[in-house]
Amino acid sequence: MPPDDRLIVALDVPNALEGLQLAERLGDAVSFYKIGLGMLTGGGLALANELKQDLGKRIFLDMKLFDIGATVEAAVRGLVQFDLDFLTVHGDPHVVTAAKEGAANSGTKILAVSILTSLDRSDLDKSLIKPGDIKDIVLERVTRAFEAGADGVIASPQEAALIRALPGAEGRLIVTPGVRPTGAALGDQKRVATPAQAIADGADHIVVGRPIWAQKDPRAAVDAILAELSA
């Protein structure tokens, strides 16, 4: 049976060597990996290249780029040379538009971040984000990102069903971090759901990190998540 690429394993480990060792432990059970900003100075791009070119894995580079349009476009144009599958930018329309320009003629999908899954309404208040229910703000940002050309969005699993129902969501990807298997610690996540619930609500991919790599037997943790998805 081919691996289920709905599961993306976040390699939120200190460096590329540990990331490669984890990928080797997980073997053929996992086909899709996320490499985030925290590993950028630990050889993250080199690891992305090795996983992609040598091991045939799919790669989600989670950089959450944000800058003026010209800078975002240039950064994306350089990053897509690594043959990435997914790349994240913040969901502001000018950022998404610039990223799509930079990714032109490549196979890289640009995913727009709506509201980070580690934030709740009190966090938005501290950041001077306009009042309102967080789900309404997510839907507004997602709608504008789709209008700007985003191939998909990053959103909490609690908003997946609402996003999937949007008129502009047809053919777009929904990728959900903040996924926690039943009984797993929440860590720094605040808007969460189980793997099966996230998929049932419309997510195309779920991103799971700590509940896998922090376990004594990461392969068993992966197998349990895959069993839940298949059921």
Protein backbone atom coordinates (compact mmCIF):
# COMPACT_ATOMS: atom_id res chain seq x y z
CA MET A 1 0.00 0.00 0.00
CA PRO A 2 1.43 3.44 -0.91
CA PRO A 3 1.95 5.89 1.97
CA ASP A 4 -0.92 8.23 2.77
CA ASP A 5 0.32 11.69 1.85
CA ARG A 6 -2.56 13.33 3.70
CA LEU A 7 -0.21 13.11 6.67
CA ILE A 8 2.63 15.63 6.62
CA VAL A 9 5.20 15.09 9.35
CA ALA A 10 6.75 18.28 10.71
CA LEU A 11 10.49 17.88 11.19
CA ASP A 12 10.65 20.39 14.03
CA VAL A 13 13.97 19.06 15.27
CA PRO A 14 17.19 21.04 15.85
CA ASN A 15 19.12 20.23 12.68
CA ALA A 16 19.21 18.41 9.37
CA LEU A 17 21.02 15.38 10.77
CA GLU A 18 18.28 14.71 13.32
CA GLY A 19 15.67 15.36 10.65
CA LEU A 20 17.24 12.81 8.32
CA GLN A 21 17.54 10.27 11.13
CA LEU A 22 13.85 10.68 11.92
CA ALA A 23 12.90 10.29 8.25
CA GLU A 24 14.95 7.11 8.09
CA ARG A 25 13.19 5.74 11.18
CA LEU A 26 9.80 6.46 9.66
CA GLY A 27 10.83 4.90 6.36
CA ASP A 28 8.17 4.21 3.75
CA ALA A 29 5.34 5.00 6.17
CA VAL A 30 5.71 8.74 5.47
CA SER A 31 5.96 10.39 2.08
CA PHE A 32 5.51 14.07 2.97
CA TYR A 33 7.60 16.24 5.31
CA LYS A 34 7.41 19.83 6.54
CA ILE A 35 10.57 21.80 7.16
CA GLY A 36 10.04 25.03 9.04
CA LEU A 37 11.80 28.27 9.85
CA GLY A 38 13.29 26.84 13.03
CA MET A 39 15.51 24.50 11.05
CA LEU A 40 16.56 27.01 8.41
CA THR A 41 19.92 27.68 10.08
CA GLY A 42 20.31 23.99 10.92
CA GLY A 43 20.59 22.85 7.31
CA GLY A 44 16.90 22.86 6.47
CA LEU A 45 17.29 23.58 2.76
CA ALA A 46 19.95 20.90 2.41
CA LEU A 47 17.65 18.44 4.17
CA ALA A 48 14.77 19.40 1.89
CA ASN A 49 16.95 18.73 -1.13
CA GLU A 50 18.16 15.37 0.21
CA LEU A 51 14.68 14.17 1.14
CA LYS A 52 13.34 15.21 -2.25
CA GLN A 53 16.12 14.15 -4.58
CA ASP A 54 17.55 11.10 -2.81
CA LEU A 55 14.55 9.67 -0.95
CA GLY A 56 11.72 10.77 -3.24
CA LYS A 57 9.74 12.53 -0.51
CA ARG A 58 7.35 15.44 -0.98
CA ILE A 59 8.44 18.67 0.72
CA PHE A 60 6.48 21.43 2.42
CA LEU A 61 8.77 24.38 3.20
CA ASP A 62 7.07 26.43 5.88
CA MET A 63 8.75 29.83 5.71
CA LYS A 64 5.66 32.07 6.22
CA LEU A 65 7.26 34.76 4.08
CA PHE A 66 6.21 38.37 4.60
CA ASP A 67 7.81 41.46 3.08
CA ILE A 68 7.30 43.95 0.27
CA GLY A 69 6.18 42.36 -2.96
CA ALA A 70 9.49 42.55 -4.82
CA THR A 71 11.35 40.87 -1.96
CA VAL A 72 8.78 38.09 -1.61
CA GLU A 73 8.83 37.45 -5.34
CA ALA A 74 12.63 37.22 -5.39
CA ALA A 75 12.71 34.94 -2.33
CA VAL A 76 10.14 32.57 -3.81
CA ARG A 77 11.89 32.50 -7.17
CA GLY A 78 15.04 31.34 -5.39
CA LEU A 79 13.29 28.78 -3.19
CA VAL A 80 11.35 27.03 -5.93
CA GLN A 81 14.67 25.90 -7.40
CA PHE A 82 14.59 23.28 -4.62
CA ASP A 83 11.62 21.60 -6.35
CA LEU A 84 9.30 22.20 -3.39
CA ASP A 85 5.74 20.92 -3.29
CA PHE A 86 4.32 23.51 -0.88
CA LEU A 87 5.64 26.89 0.29
CA THR A 88 3.93 29.16 2.81
CA VAL A 89 3.57 32.92 2.82
CA HIS A 90 1.43 35.18 4.98
CA GLY A 91 -2.06 35.58 3.56
CA ASP A 92 -1.94 39.31 2.85
CA PRO A 93 -3.02 39.77 -0.79
CA HIS A 94 0.10 41.66 -1.91
CA VAL A 95 2.29 38.88 -0.47
CA VAL A 96 0.29 36.11 -2.14
CA THR A 97 0.32 37.87 -5.51
CA ALA A 98 4.08 38.39 -5.36
CA ALA A 99 4.68 34.78 -4.29
CA LYS A 100 2.64 33.48 -7.20
CA GLU A 101 4.76 35.57 -9.55
CA GLY A 102 7.91 34.12 -8.03
CA ALA A 103 6.58 30.57 -8.31
CA ALA A 104 5.53 30.92 -11.96
CA ASN A 105 6.59 28.04 -14.21
CA SER A 106 7.29 25.82 -11.21
CA GLY A 107 5.32 23.04 -9.56
CA THR A 108 5.39 24.71 -6.16
CA LYS A 109 2.00 25.42 -4.58
CA ILE A 110 1.73 28.69 -2.67
CA LEU A 111 -0.18 28.29 0.60
CA ALA A 112 -1.39 31.37 2.44
CA VAL A 113 -1.34 31.49 6.24
CA SER A 114 -4.63 32.76 7.67
CA ILE A 115 -4.30 33.05 11.46
CA LEU A 116 -1.67 30.98 13.27
CA THR A 117 -3.13 28.01 15.12
CA SER A 118 -1.24 29.02 18.28
CA LEU A 119 -3.27 32.25 18.52
CA ASP A 120 -6.66 32.96 20.03
CA ARG A 121 -8.78 36.11 20.30
CA SER A 122 -6.75 37.53 23.19
CA ASP A 123 -3.58 37.22 21.11
CA LEU A 124 -5.23 39.07 18.23
CA ASP A 125 -6.26 41.84 20.61
CA LYS A 126 -2.66 42.28 21.71
CA SER A 127 -1.62 42.53 18.05
CA LEU A 128 -4.29 45.19 17.35
CA ILE A 129 -6.16 42.90 14.95
CA LYS A 130 -9.68 44.16 14.37
CA PRO A 131 -12.45 42.95 16.70
CA GLY A 132 -14.61 40.01 15.76
CA ASP A 133 -14.86 36.27 15.99
CA ILE A 134 -11.60 34.62 15.00
CA LYS A 135 -13.36 32.29 12.56
CA ASP A 136 -14.87 35.25 10.71
CA ILE A 137 -11.45 36.88 10.41
CA VAL A 138 -9.94 33.63 9.13
CA LEU A 139 -12.66 33.32 6.48
CA GLU A 140 -12.13 36.90 5.36
CA ARG A 141 -8.37 36.45 5.07
CA VAL A 142 -8.80 33.15 3.26
CA THR A 143 -11.25 34.66 0.78
CA ARG A 144 -8.84 37.49 -0.01
CA ALA A 145 -5.93 35.05 -0.35
CA PHE A 146 -7.92 32.95 -2.83
CA GLU A 147 -8.76 36.09 -4.79
CA ALA A 148 -5.05 36.92 -4.89
CA GLY A 149 -4.30 33.51 -6.42
CA ALA A 150 -3.27 31.30 -3.49
CA ASP A 151 -3.22 27.60 -4.34
CA GLY A 152 -4.40 26.82 -0.84
CA VAL A 153 -4.39 27.97 2.75
CA ILE A 154 -3.05 27.07 6.16
CA ALA A 155 -5.77 27.18 8.79
CA SER A 156 -6.71 25.48 12.01
CA PRO A 157 -8.80 22.32 11.69
CA GLN A 158 -11.60 24.14 13.50
CA GLU A 159 -12.05 26.36 10.44
CA ALA A 160 -11.59 23.67 7.77
CA ALA A 161 -15.29 22.98 7.17
CA LEU A 162 -16.10 26.69 6.94
CA ILE A 163 -13.30 27.26 4.44
CA ARG A 164 -14.28 24.25 2.35
CA ALA A 165 -17.78 25.73 2.04
CA LEU A 166 -16.51 29.01 0.56
CA PRO A 167 -17.32 29.56 -3.15
CA GLY A 168 -13.64 30.21 -3.89
CA ALA A 169 -12.42 27.03 -2.19
CA GLU A 170 -13.11 24.67 -5.07
CA GLY A 171 -9.86 23.18 -6.26
CA ARG A 172 -7.86 24.83 -3.45
CA LEU A 173 -5.86 23.03 -0.80
CA ILE A 174 -6.59 23.21 2.92
CA VAL A 175 -3.64 22.23 5.12
CA THR A 176 -4.20 22.07 8.85
CA PRO A 177 -1.58 22.23 11.59
CA GLY A 178 -2.84 22.12 15.15
CA VAL A 179 -3.75 18.45 14.75
CA ARG A 180 -3.49 16.33 17.87
CA PRO A 181 -4.28 12.62 18.19
CA THR A 182 -6.71 11.77 20.98
CA GLY A 183 -4.94 12.08 24.33
CA ALA A 184 -1.94 14.00 23.00
CA ALA A 185 -0.75 17.13 24.80
CA LEU A 186 -1.77 20.41 23.14
CA GLY A 187 1.69 21.99 23.48
CA ASP A 188 1.54 25.53 22.10
CA GLN A 189 -1.56 24.89 19.99
CA LYS A 190 -4.92 26.40 20.92
CA ARG A 191 -7.30 25.62 18.03
CA VAL A 192 -7.00 21.88 17.50
CA ALA A 193 -8.79 18.73 16.30
CA THR A 194 -8.00 15.06 15.87
CA PRO A 195 -6.56 13.80 12.56
CA ALA A 196 -9.78 12.10 11.47
CA GLN A 197 -11.92 15.12 12.38
CA ALA A 198 -9.68 17.51 10.43
CA ILE A 199 -9.91 15.37 7.29
CA ALA A 200 -13.65 14.85 7.72
CA ASP A 201 -14.10 18.62 7.94
CA GLY A 202 -12.43 19.21 4.60
CA ALA A 203 -8.67 19.33 5.14
CA ASP A 204 -6.57 17.85 2.34
CA HIS A 205 -3.49 17.44 4.53
CA ILE A 206 -2.80 17.44 8.26
CA VAL A 207 0.51 18.51 9.76
CA VAL A 208 1.68 16.63 12.85
CA GLY A 209 5.00 17.22 14.58
CA ARG A 210 5.52 16.84 18.31
CA PRO A 211 3.05 13.94 18.76
CA ILE A 212 5.34 12.00 16.39
CA TRP A 213 8.94 13.11 16.82
CA ALA A 214 8.73 13.51 20.61
CA GLN A 215 7.60 9.91 21.11
CA LYS A 216 9.87 7.02 22.06
CA ASP A 217 8.59 5.16 19.01
CA PRO A 218 7.82 7.71 16.26
CA ARG A 219 6.97 4.97 13.75
CA ALA A 220 4.28 3.59 16.08
CA ALA A 221 2.85 7.10 16.47
CA VAL A 222 2.69 7.46 12.68
CA ASP A 223 1.06 4.07 12.30
CA ALA A 224 -1.61 5.01 14.84
CA ILE A 225 -2.43 8.24 12.98
CA LEU A 226 -2.55 6.47 9.63
CA ALA A 227 -4.85 3.82 11.09
CA GLU A 228 -7.17 6.56 12.34
CA LEU A 229 -7.21 8.19 8.89
CA SER A 230 -7.89 4.94 7.08
CA ALA A 231 -10.73 4.10 9.45
